[in-house]
């Protein structure tokens, strides 16, 4: 199973593109700013190269785990010891991959697993942090919604093209 790194690099951009829309003042940006007591001037004062650059690096890290969650064949490859051990795999592995090597490799399937990752992984983490930080439910739902949508899109891209 070959990995399409271009698809992973493009999926990582999804975080930035979705964020530009989701946190735009005409979508949820104004509510998000109010919930954090931010002004536009405060937001402009950050080091944008650092913020966007590290966001992309962190997003690449997310693509690695999303690949394992959305592409079921990744689990089969790991069962034989990973890519370095494929040459030593038993004939049954080759037969399995011949039969099922492209099963469930669609955008729709990846989007489903990405959404489930957002709902059952990102949302609880954001919720826990938000509760301890005494944030509002608006704050929690804005961030959780962003991550559910973003992971859904990333999962779809990864599953269909990686």
N, C-alpha and C. Protein backbone atom coordinates (compact mmCIF):
# COMPACT_ATOMS: atom_id res chain seq x y z
N UNK A 1 0.84 -1.17 0.00
CA UNK A 1 0.00 0.00 0.00
C UNK A 1 0.89 1.24 0.00
N UNK A 2 0.81 1.98 -1.04
CA UNK A 2 1.61 3.20 -1.17
C UNK A 2 0.85 4.39 -0.59
N UNK A 3 1.58 5.30 0.00
CA UNK A 3 0.97 6.49 0.58
C UNK A 3 1.14 7.66 -0.39
N UNK A 4 0.05 8.35 -0.64
CA UNK A 4 0.08 9.54 -1.48
C UNK A 4 0.32 10.74 -0.56
N UNK A 5 1.58 11.13 -0.45
CA UNK A 5 1.93 12.22 0.47
C UNK A 5 1.34 13.55 0.03
N UNK A 6 1.13 13.72 -1.26
CA UNK A 6 0.52 14.97 -1.74
C UNK A 6 -0.88 15.11 -1.16
N UNK A 7 -1.62 13.99 -1.10
CA UNK A 7 -2.97 14.04 -0.50
C UNK A 7 -2.88 14.41 0.98
N UNK A 8 -1.89 13.89 1.68
CA UNK A 8 -1.74 14.24 3.10
C UNK A 8 -1.39 15.72 3.26
N UNK A 9 -0.50 16.24 2.41
CA UNK A 9 -0.13 17.65 2.50
C UNK A 9 -1.33 18.54 2.18
N UNK A 10 -2.15 18.12 1.21
CA UNK A 10 -3.34 18.90 0.87
C UNK A 10 -4.40 18.80 1.98
N UNK A 11 -4.55 17.62 2.56
CA UNK A 11 -5.51 17.48 3.65
C UNK A 11 -5.14 18.37 4.82
N UNK A 12 -3.85 18.55 5.06
CA UNK A 12 -3.40 19.40 6.17
C UNK A 12 -3.77 20.86 5.93
N UNK A 13 -3.85 21.28 4.68
CA UNK A 13 -4.24 22.65 4.36
C UNK A 13 -5.70 22.90 4.72
N UNK A 14 -6.48 21.83 4.76
CA UNK A 14 -7.91 21.94 5.07
C UNK A 14 -8.13 22.67 6.39
N UNK A 15 -7.28 22.43 7.37
CA UNK A 15 -7.44 23.10 8.66
C UNK A 15 -7.41 24.61 8.50
N UNK A 16 -6.47 25.09 7.70
CA UNK A 16 -6.35 26.54 7.49
C UNK A 16 -7.53 27.08 6.68
N UNK A 17 -7.87 26.39 5.59
CA UNK A 17 -8.95 26.87 4.73
C UNK A 17 -10.29 26.87 5.47
N UNK A 18 -10.57 25.80 6.19
CA UNK A 18 -11.81 25.73 6.95
C UNK A 18 -11.82 26.81 8.04
N UNK A 19 -10.68 27.00 8.68
CA UNK A 19 -10.58 28.02 9.72
C UNK A 19 -10.81 29.42 9.20
N UNK A 20 -10.30 29.73 8.00
CA UNK A 20 -10.51 31.05 7.41
C UNK A 20 -12.00 31.33 7.23
N UNK A 21 -12.74 30.30 6.86
CA UNK A 21 -14.18 30.47 6.66
C UNK A 21 -14.92 30.43 7.99
N UNK A 22 -14.68 29.40 8.80
CA UNK A 22 -15.42 29.18 10.05
C UNK A 22 -15.27 30.34 11.02
N UNK A 23 -14.04 30.85 11.13
CA UNK A 23 -13.77 31.93 12.09
C UNK A 23 -13.84 33.31 11.45
N UNK A 24 -14.39 33.41 10.25
CA UNK A 24 -14.61 34.70 9.61
C UNK A 24 -15.69 35.45 10.40
N UNK A 25 -15.55 36.77 10.52
CA UNK A 25 -16.53 37.53 11.32
C UNK A 25 -17.99 37.34 10.88
N UNK A 26 -18.22 37.01 9.61
CA UNK A 26 -19.59 36.82 9.14
C UNK A 26 -20.11 35.41 9.38
N UNK A 27 -19.26 34.53 9.87
CA UNK A 27 -19.70 33.17 10.19
C UNK A 27 -19.71 33.05 11.72
N UNK A 28 -18.64 32.53 12.33
CA UNK A 28 -18.59 32.40 13.79
C UNK A 28 -17.49 33.25 14.41
N UNK A 29 -16.76 34.00 13.62
CA UNK A 29 -15.62 34.76 14.12
C UNK A 29 -15.98 35.80 15.16
N UNK A 30 -17.06 36.52 14.94
CA UNK A 30 -17.45 37.56 15.89
C UNK A 30 -17.86 36.94 17.22
N UNK A 31 -18.62 35.85 17.18
CA UNK A 31 -19.02 35.17 18.42
C UNK A 31 -17.79 34.65 19.13
N UNK A 32 -16.87 34.03 18.37
CA UNK A 32 -15.63 33.49 18.94
C UNK A 32 -14.82 34.60 19.60
N UNK A 33 -14.68 35.75 18.92
CA UNK A 33 -13.94 36.88 19.50
C UNK A 33 -14.60 37.36 20.79
N UNK A 34 -15.93 37.47 20.78
CA UNK A 34 -16.65 37.92 21.99
C UNK A 34 -16.49 36.94 23.14
N UNK A 35 -16.54 35.64 22.84
CA UNK A 35 -16.40 34.63 23.89
C UNK A 35 -15.00 34.62 24.50
N UNK A 36 -14.01 35.10 23.76
CA UNK A 36 -12.63 35.16 24.24
C UNK A 36 -12.21 36.55 24.66
N UNK A 37 -13.12 37.52 24.55
CA UNK A 37 -12.81 38.93 24.86
C UNK A 37 -11.64 39.43 24.02
N UNK A 38 -11.61 39.04 22.75
CA UNK A 38 -10.58 39.50 21.83
C UNK A 38 -11.09 40.70 21.04
N UNK A 39 -10.14 41.56 20.67
CA UNK A 39 -10.44 42.63 19.72
C UNK A 39 -9.69 42.31 18.43
N UNK A 40 -10.09 42.96 17.36
CA UNK A 40 -9.39 42.74 16.08
C UNK A 40 -7.92 43.14 16.20
N UNK A 41 -7.66 44.18 16.95
CA UNK A 41 -6.28 44.65 17.12
C UNK A 41 -5.44 43.59 17.84
N UNK A 42 -6.00 42.97 18.85
CA UNK A 42 -5.27 41.91 19.56
C UNK A 42 -4.96 40.75 18.62
N UNK A 43 -5.91 40.39 17.79
CA UNK A 43 -5.69 39.27 16.86
C UNK A 43 -4.64 39.59 15.80
N UNK A 44 -4.58 40.84 15.40
CA UNK A 44 -3.58 41.25 14.39
C UNK A 44 -2.17 41.32 14.98
N UNK A 45 -2.06 41.35 16.30
CA UNK A 45 -0.75 41.53 16.92
C UNK A 45 0.06 40.23 16.99
N UNK A 46 -0.55 39.09 16.68
CA UNK A 46 0.16 37.81 16.77
C UNK A 46 1.14 37.61 15.63
N UNK A 47 2.06 36.71 15.81
CA UNK A 47 3.03 36.34 14.78
C UNK A 47 2.34 35.36 13.83
N UNK A 48 1.81 35.87 12.73
CA UNK A 48 1.00 35.06 11.81
C UNK A 48 1.80 33.95 11.15
N UNK A 49 3.06 34.19 10.84
CA UNK A 49 3.89 33.14 10.24
C UNK A 49 4.02 31.96 11.21
N UNK A 50 4.27 32.27 12.46
CA UNK A 50 4.39 31.22 13.48
C UNK A 50 3.06 30.50 13.68
N UNK A 51 1.97 31.26 13.78
CA UNK A 51 0.65 30.67 14.02
C UNK A 51 0.24 29.77 12.86
N UNK A 52 0.30 30.28 11.63
CA UNK A 52 -0.12 29.48 10.48
C UNK A 52 0.87 28.36 10.18
N UNK A 53 2.15 28.61 10.38
CA UNK A 53 3.15 27.58 10.14
C UNK A 53 3.00 26.40 11.09
N UNK A 54 2.87 26.70 12.38
CA UNK A 54 2.68 25.61 13.36
C UNK A 54 1.32 24.94 13.21
N UNK A 55 0.31 25.71 12.81
CA UNK A 55 -0.99 25.09 12.53
C UNK A 55 -0.85 24.05 11.43
N UNK A 56 -0.10 24.36 10.39
CA UNK A 56 0.10 23.41 9.30
C UNK A 56 0.89 22.19 9.78
N UNK A 57 1.92 22.40 10.57
CA UNK A 57 2.71 21.27 11.10
C UNK A 57 1.82 20.37 11.97
N UNK A 58 1.03 20.97 12.86
CA UNK A 58 0.13 20.19 13.70
C UNK A 58 -0.91 19.45 12.85
N UNK A 59 -1.36 20.11 11.79
CA UNK A 59 -2.33 19.48 10.89
C UNK A 59 -1.73 18.28 10.17
N UNK A 60 -0.46 18.37 9.82
CA UNK A 60 0.22 17.20 9.24
C UNK A 60 0.25 16.05 10.23
N UNK A 61 0.46 16.37 11.49
CA UNK A 61 0.44 15.33 12.52
C UNK A 61 -0.94 14.66 12.59
N UNK A 62 -1.98 15.46 12.46
CA UNK A 62 -3.34 14.92 12.48
C UNK A 62 -3.57 13.99 11.29
N UNK A 63 -3.01 14.34 10.11
CA UNK A 63 -3.23 13.49 8.93
C UNK A 63 -2.67 12.09 9.14
N UNK A 64 -1.61 11.97 9.89
CA UNK A 64 -1.01 10.65 10.13
C UNK A 64 -1.99 9.74 10.87
N UNK A 65 -2.61 10.25 11.92
CA UNK A 65 -3.54 9.41 12.68
C UNK A 65 -4.85 9.24 11.93
N UNK A 66 -5.27 10.26 11.19
CA UNK A 66 -6.50 10.12 10.42
C UNK A 66 -6.34 9.06 9.32
N UNK A 67 -5.15 8.94 8.79
CA UNK A 67 -4.92 7.90 7.78
C UNK A 67 -5.18 6.53 8.39
N UNK A 68 -4.71 6.32 9.60
CA UNK A 68 -4.92 5.03 10.27
C UNK A 68 -6.39 4.83 10.62
N UNK A 69 -7.11 5.90 10.93
CA UNK A 69 -8.51 5.79 11.31
C UNK A 69 -9.45 5.64 10.11
N UNK A 70 -9.09 6.19 8.97
CA UNK A 70 -10.00 6.19 7.83
C UNK A 70 -9.69 5.10 6.80
N UNK A 71 -8.45 4.68 6.71
CA UNK A 71 -8.07 3.66 5.72
C UNK A 71 -7.89 2.34 6.46
N UNK A 72 -8.86 1.47 6.31
CA UNK A 72 -8.83 0.21 7.05
C UNK A 72 -7.67 -0.69 6.64
N UNK A 73 -7.20 -0.55 5.42
CA UNK A 73 -6.09 -1.37 4.96
C UNK A 73 -4.81 -1.07 5.72
N UNK A 74 -4.73 0.10 6.34
CA UNK A 74 -3.58 0.44 7.17
C UNK A 74 -3.44 -0.56 8.31
N UNK A 75 -4.57 -0.97 8.87
CA UNK A 75 -4.56 -1.97 9.93
C UNK A 75 -4.04 -3.31 9.44
N UNK A 76 -4.42 -3.67 8.21
CA UNK A 76 -3.94 -4.94 7.66
C UNK A 76 -2.43 -4.89 7.46
N UNK A 77 -1.93 -3.77 6.97
CA UNK A 77 -0.49 -3.63 6.77
C UNK A 77 0.24 -3.69 8.11
N UNK A 78 -0.34 -3.08 9.14
CA UNK A 78 0.32 -3.11 10.45
C UNK A 78 0.32 -4.52 11.04
N UNK A 79 -0.65 -5.34 10.64
CA UNK A 79 -0.72 -6.72 11.16
C UNK A 79 0.48 -7.56 10.72
N UNK A 80 1.09 -7.20 9.58
CA UNK A 80 2.25 -7.97 9.10
C UNK A 80 3.57 -7.30 9.51
N UNK A 81 3.49 -6.22 10.28
CA UNK A 81 4.70 -5.56 10.75
C UNK A 81 5.02 -4.26 10.07
N UNK A 82 4.09 -3.74 9.27
CA UNK A 82 4.29 -2.47 8.60
C UNK A 82 4.94 -2.63 7.24
N UNK A 83 5.09 -1.53 6.51
CA UNK A 83 5.63 -1.58 5.16
C UNK A 83 6.97 -2.32 5.02
N UNK A 84 7.90 -2.21 5.97
CA UNK A 84 9.16 -2.93 5.78
C UNK A 84 9.00 -4.45 5.73
N UNK A 85 7.91 -4.96 6.28
CA UNK A 85 7.72 -6.41 6.37
C UNK A 85 6.77 -6.96 5.30
N UNK A 86 6.29 -6.11 4.40
CA UNK A 86 5.34 -6.58 3.39
C UNK A 86 5.90 -7.71 2.53
N UNK A 87 7.18 -7.64 2.21
CA UNK A 87 7.79 -8.68 1.37
C UNK A 87 7.77 -10.04 2.07
N UNK A 88 7.75 -10.05 3.39
CA UNK A 88 7.75 -11.31 4.16
C UNK A 88 6.35 -11.78 4.54
N UNK A 89 5.32 -11.05 4.12
CA UNK A 89 3.96 -11.41 4.51
C UNK A 89 3.55 -12.74 3.87
N UNK A 90 2.65 -13.41 4.54
CA UNK A 90 2.15 -14.69 4.05
C UNK A 90 1.29 -14.47 2.81
N UNK A 91 1.14 -15.48 1.98
CA UNK A 91 0.31 -15.36 0.77
C UNK A 91 -1.13 -14.94 1.07
N UNK A 92 -1.63 -15.27 2.25
CA UNK A 92 -2.99 -14.88 2.60
C UNK A 92 -3.14 -13.36 2.66
N UNK A 93 -2.05 -12.66 3.04
CA UNK A 93 -2.11 -11.20 3.07
C UNK A 93 -2.27 -10.65 1.66
N UNK A 94 -1.50 -11.17 0.72
CA UNK A 94 -1.61 -10.73 -0.67
C UNK A 94 -3.01 -11.00 -1.22
N UNK A 95 -3.56 -12.16 -0.86
CA UNK A 95 -4.92 -12.50 -1.31
C UNK A 95 -5.94 -11.54 -0.69
N UNK A 96 -5.76 -11.24 0.60
CA UNK A 96 -6.66 -10.31 1.28
C UNK A 96 -6.61 -8.94 0.62
N UNK A 97 -5.40 -8.44 0.36
CA UNK A 97 -5.26 -7.12 -0.24
C UNK A 97 -5.79 -7.10 -1.67
N UNK A 98 -5.66 -8.22 -2.39
CA UNK A 98 -6.21 -8.30 -3.74
C UNK A 98 -7.73 -8.20 -3.70
N UNK A 99 -8.32 -8.83 -2.69
CA UNK A 99 -9.78 -8.81 -2.57
C UNK A 99 -10.32 -7.51 -1.98
N UNK A 100 -9.61 -6.96 -0.99
CA UNK A 100 -10.15 -5.84 -0.23
C UNK A 100 -9.26 -4.59 -0.22
N UNK A 101 -8.25 -4.56 -1.05
CA UNK A 101 -7.27 -3.47 -1.02
C UNK A 101 -7.82 -2.09 -1.29
N UNK A 102 -8.96 -2.01 -1.98
CA UNK A 102 -9.54 -0.69 -2.26
C UNK A 102 -10.94 -0.54 -1.65
N UNK A 103 -11.34 -1.49 -0.81
CA UNK A 103 -12.66 -1.40 -0.19
C UNK A 103 -12.75 -0.21 0.76
N UNK A 104 -13.86 0.46 0.69
CA UNK A 104 -14.13 1.61 1.57
C UNK A 104 -13.09 2.72 1.43
N UNK A 105 -12.54 2.87 0.25
CA UNK A 105 -11.57 3.95 0.00
C UNK A 105 -12.26 5.07 -0.76
N UNK A 106 -13.25 5.69 -0.13
CA UNK A 106 -14.01 6.76 -0.75
C UNK A 106 -13.98 8.00 0.13
N UNK A 107 -14.28 9.13 -0.47
CA UNK A 107 -14.37 10.38 0.29
C UNK A 107 -15.46 10.24 1.35
N UNK A 108 -16.59 9.69 0.97
CA UNK A 108 -17.73 9.55 1.89
C UNK A 108 -17.35 8.73 3.12
N UNK A 109 -16.66 7.62 2.92
CA UNK A 109 -16.28 6.77 4.04
C UNK A 109 -15.27 7.50 4.95
N UNK A 110 -14.30 8.15 4.34
CA UNK A 110 -13.32 8.90 5.14
C UNK A 110 -13.96 10.05 5.88
N UNK A 111 -14.94 10.71 5.24
CA UNK A 111 -15.64 11.80 5.90
C UNK A 111 -16.41 11.30 7.11
N UNK A 112 -17.02 10.12 7.00
CA UNK A 112 -17.73 9.54 8.13
C UNK A 112 -16.78 9.31 9.30
N UNK A 113 -15.64 8.69 9.04
CA UNK A 113 -14.68 8.43 10.12
C UNK A 113 -14.06 9.73 10.65
N UNK A 114 -13.85 10.70 9.78
CA UNK A 114 -13.35 11.99 10.24
C UNK A 114 -14.35 12.68 11.15
N UNK A 115 -15.63 12.64 10.77
CA UNK A 115 -16.66 13.24 11.61
C UNK A 115 -16.75 12.53 12.96
N UNK A 116 -16.70 11.19 12.93
CA UNK A 116 -16.75 10.44 14.18
C UNK A 116 -15.54 10.76 15.06
N UNK A 117 -14.39 10.99 14.45
CA UNK A 117 -13.20 11.39 15.21
C UNK A 117 -13.43 12.75 15.88
N UNK A 118 -14.06 13.65 15.15
CA UNK A 118 -14.37 14.95 15.72
C UNK A 118 -15.37 14.85 16.85
N UNK A 119 -16.42 14.06 16.63
CA UNK A 119 -17.48 13.94 17.62
C UNK A 119 -17.04 13.20 18.88
N UNK A 120 -16.28 12.11 18.71
CA UNK A 120 -15.95 11.26 19.86
C UNK A 120 -14.52 11.46 20.39
N UNK A 121 -13.76 12.33 19.75
CA UNK A 121 -12.40 12.58 20.23
C UNK A 121 -12.17 14.07 20.46
N UNK A 122 -12.32 14.88 19.40
CA UNK A 122 -12.05 16.32 19.54
C UNK A 122 -13.08 17.01 20.44
N UNK A 123 -14.36 16.73 20.22
CA UNK A 123 -15.41 17.38 21.02
C UNK A 123 -15.25 17.12 22.52
N UNK A 124 -15.03 15.87 22.95
CA UNK A 124 -14.84 15.68 24.39
C UNK A 124 -13.61 16.40 24.94
N UNK A 125 -12.52 16.43 24.18
CA UNK A 125 -11.32 17.14 24.66
C UNK A 125 -11.60 18.64 24.79
N UNK A 126 -12.22 19.21 23.76
CA UNK A 126 -12.55 20.63 23.80
C UNK A 126 -13.54 20.90 24.93
N UNK A 127 -14.50 20.00 25.09
CA UNK A 127 -15.49 20.16 26.17
C UNK A 127 -14.86 20.13 27.54
N UNK A 128 -13.97 19.18 27.77
CA UNK A 128 -13.30 19.08 29.07
C UNK A 128 -12.48 20.35 29.33
N UNK A 129 -11.67 20.75 28.34
CA UNK A 129 -10.88 21.97 28.52
C UNK A 129 -11.77 23.17 28.77
N UNK A 130 -12.84 23.29 27.99
CA UNK A 130 -13.75 24.42 28.12
C UNK A 130 -14.41 24.47 29.49
N UNK A 131 -14.80 23.32 30.00
CA UNK A 131 -15.43 23.29 31.32
C UNK A 131 -14.47 23.73 32.41
N UNK A 132 -13.25 23.24 32.37
CA UNK A 132 -12.27 23.63 33.40
C UNK A 132 -11.83 25.08 33.24
N UNK A 133 -11.84 25.59 32.01
CA UNK A 133 -11.46 26.98 31.77
C UNK A 133 -12.64 27.93 31.97
N UNK A 134 -13.79 27.37 32.35
CA UNK A 134 -15.01 28.14 32.59
C UNK A 134 -15.47 28.86 31.33
N UNK A 135 -15.32 28.21 30.19
CA UNK A 135 -15.77 28.78 28.91
C UNK A 135 -17.25 28.47 28.73
N UNK A 136 -17.88 29.21 27.87
CA UNK A 136 -19.30 29.02 27.60
C UNK A 136 -19.51 27.84 26.65
N UNK A 137 -20.77 27.38 26.59
CA UNK A 137 -21.10 26.32 25.64
C UNK A 137 -20.98 26.82 24.21
N UNK A 138 -21.21 28.13 24.00
CA UNK A 138 -21.00 28.70 22.66
C UNK A 138 -19.56 28.47 22.23
N UNK A 139 -18.64 28.79 23.10
CA UNK A 139 -17.21 28.60 22.83
C UNK A 139 -16.92 27.14 22.50
N UNK A 140 -17.42 26.24 23.33
CA UNK A 140 -17.17 24.81 23.14
C UNK A 140 -17.75 24.33 21.81
N UNK A 141 -19.00 24.72 21.53
CA UNK A 141 -19.63 24.25 20.29
C UNK A 141 -19.01 24.86 19.04
N UNK A 142 -18.54 26.10 19.13
CA UNK A 142 -17.87 26.71 17.97
C UNK A 142 -16.61 25.92 17.63
N UNK A 143 -15.79 25.64 18.63
CA UNK A 143 -14.56 24.90 18.37
C UNK A 143 -14.82 23.45 17.99
N UNK A 144 -15.75 22.80 18.67
CA UNK A 144 -16.07 21.41 18.36
C UNK A 144 -16.64 21.30 16.95
N UNK A 145 -17.52 22.22 16.59
CA UNK A 145 -18.08 22.21 15.23
C UNK A 145 -17.00 22.39 14.18
N UNK A 146 -16.07 23.29 14.45
CA UNK A 146 -14.95 23.49 13.52
C UNK A 146 -14.18 22.20 13.33
N UNK A 147 -13.85 21.52 14.44
CA UNK A 147 -13.05 20.30 14.33
C UNK A 147 -13.82 19.15 13.72
N UNK A 148 -15.11 19.06 13.98
CA UNK A 148 -15.90 18.00 13.35
C UNK A 148 -15.92 18.19 11.84
N UNK A 149 -16.15 19.42 11.39
CA UNK A 149 -16.16 19.71 9.95
C UNK A 149 -14.78 19.50 9.35
N UNK A 150 -13.75 20.03 10.00
CA UNK A 150 -12.40 19.93 9.47
C UNK A 150 -11.93 18.48 9.39
N UNK A 151 -12.16 17.71 10.45
CA UNK A 151 -11.74 16.30 10.44
C UNK A 151 -12.55 15.50 9.42
N UNK A 152 -13.79 15.89 9.22
CA UNK A 152 -14.62 15.23 8.21
C UNK A 152 -14.02 15.45 6.82
N UNK A 153 -13.67 16.69 6.51
CA UNK A 153 -13.08 17.00 5.20
C UNK A 153 -11.70 16.35 5.05
N UNK A 154 -10.89 16.45 6.10
CA UNK A 154 -9.56 15.83 6.05
C UNK A 154 -9.67 14.32 5.87
N UNK A 155 -10.56 13.69 6.64
CA UNK A 155 -10.74 12.25 6.53
C UNK A 155 -11.18 11.83 5.14
N UNK A 156 -12.08 12.62 4.54
CA UNK A 156 -12.54 12.32 3.19
C UNK A 156 -11.41 12.40 2.18
N UNK A 157 -10.62 13.44 2.26
CA UNK A 157 -9.48 13.61 1.34
C UNK A 157 -8.48 12.47 1.51
N UNK A 158 -8.15 12.18 2.75
CA UNK A 158 -7.15 11.14 3.03
C UNK A 158 -7.63 9.78 2.56
N UNK A 159 -8.87 9.43 2.88
CA UNK A 159 -9.37 8.10 2.54
C UNK A 159 -9.50 7.93 1.02
N UNK A 160 -9.91 8.97 0.33
CA UNK A 160 -10.12 8.86 -1.12
C UNK A 160 -8.83 8.94 -1.91
N UNK A 161 -7.85 9.68 -1.42
CA UNK A 161 -6.68 9.97 -2.27
C UNK A 161 -5.33 9.55 -1.70
N UNK A 162 -5.23 9.29 -0.40
CA UNK A 162 -3.91 8.97 0.16
C UNK A 162 -3.54 7.52 -0.09
